[in-house]
Amino acid sequence: MMMKKSTVMGGLREGYEQQQKQHQVRPIPKRGQVKMAILANVAHAMMTLFTAARRSVHLTH
């Protein structure tokens, strides 16, 4: 007796989804959190560059 293709594929999909849920360790970030993290890192990098440049100017004079 042959099983319907949709039943087999549905069972595979359900098994895959359950496996993904078991291995999911960290939550998916909410909307806007990724952009804010990127902007914060860019701002920190810029501040670090300007602070380093400012220190080197003060040391040479």
Protein backbone atom coordinates (compact mmCIF):
# COMPACT_ATOMS: atom_id res chain seq x y z
CA MET A 1 0.00 0.00 0.00
CA MET A 2 1.39 3.38 -1.01
CA MET A 3 1.17 6.42 1.22
CA LYS A 4 0.13 9.72 -0.20
CA LYS A 5 3.00 12.02 -1.03
CA SER A 6 1.47 14.86 0.98
CA THR A 7 1.30 12.66 4.10
CA VAL A 8 4.95 11.67 3.77
CA MET A 9 6.08 15.23 3.10
CA GLY A 10 3.90 16.54 5.93
CA GLY A 11 5.45 14.05 8.32
CA LEU A 12 8.95 15.03 7.22
CA ARG A 13 8.16 18.71 7.64
CA GLU A 14 6.73 18.16 11.14
CA GLY A 15 9.80 16.17 12.15
CA TYR A 16 12.09 18.87 10.78
CA GLU A 17 10.19 21.62 12.61
CA GLN A 18 10.34 19.70 15.88
CA GLN A 19 14.07 19.16 15.41
CA GLN A 20 14.60 22.87 14.74
CA LYS A 21 12.68 23.81 17.89
CA GLN A 22 14.84 21.46 19.96
CA HIS A 23 18.08 22.96 18.64
CA GLN A 24 16.95 26.58 18.79
CA VAL A 25 19.11 28.09 21.51
CA ARG A 26 18.75 31.85 21.20
CA PRO A 27 15.57 33.79 20.52
CA ILE A 28 15.01 35.60 17.26
CA PRO A 29 15.60 39.35 17.78
CA LYS A 30 12.57 41.61 17.66
CA ARG A 31 12.06 44.10 14.87
CA GLY A 32 14.66 46.86 14.94
CA GLN A 33 17.00 45.25 17.47
CA VAL A 34 19.51 44.17 14.82
CA LYS A 35 19.64 47.64 13.26
CA MET A 36 20.09 49.26 16.65
CA ALA A 37 22.91 46.88 17.54
CA ILE A 38 24.66 47.63 14.24
CA LEU A 39 24.29 51.39 14.76
CA ALA A 40 25.59 51.10 18.32
CA ASN A 41 28.65 49.17 17.12
CA VAL A 42 29.35 51.68 14.34
CA ALA A 43 29.01 54.58 16.79
CA HIS A 44 31.38 52.86 19.21
CA ALA A 45 33.92 52.20 16.45
CA MET A 46 33.77 55.83 15.27
CA MET A 47 34.17 57.11 18.82
CA THR A 48 37.15 54.82 19.34
CA LEU A 49 38.80 56.04 16.13
CA PHE A 50 38.31 59.71 16.98
CA THR A 51 39.50 59.20 20.55
CA ALA A 52 42.64 57.40 19.34
CA ALA A 53 43.32 60.15 16.76
CA ARG A 54 42.77 62.84 19.37
CA ARG A 55 45.20 61.15 21.80
CA SER A 56 47.88 60.90 19.15
CA VAL A 57 47.52 64.62 18.33
CA HIS A 58 47.90 65.54 22.01
CA LEU A 59 50.96 63.34 22.37
CA THR A 60 52.78 64.89 19.40
CA HIS A 61 52.32 68.51 20.56
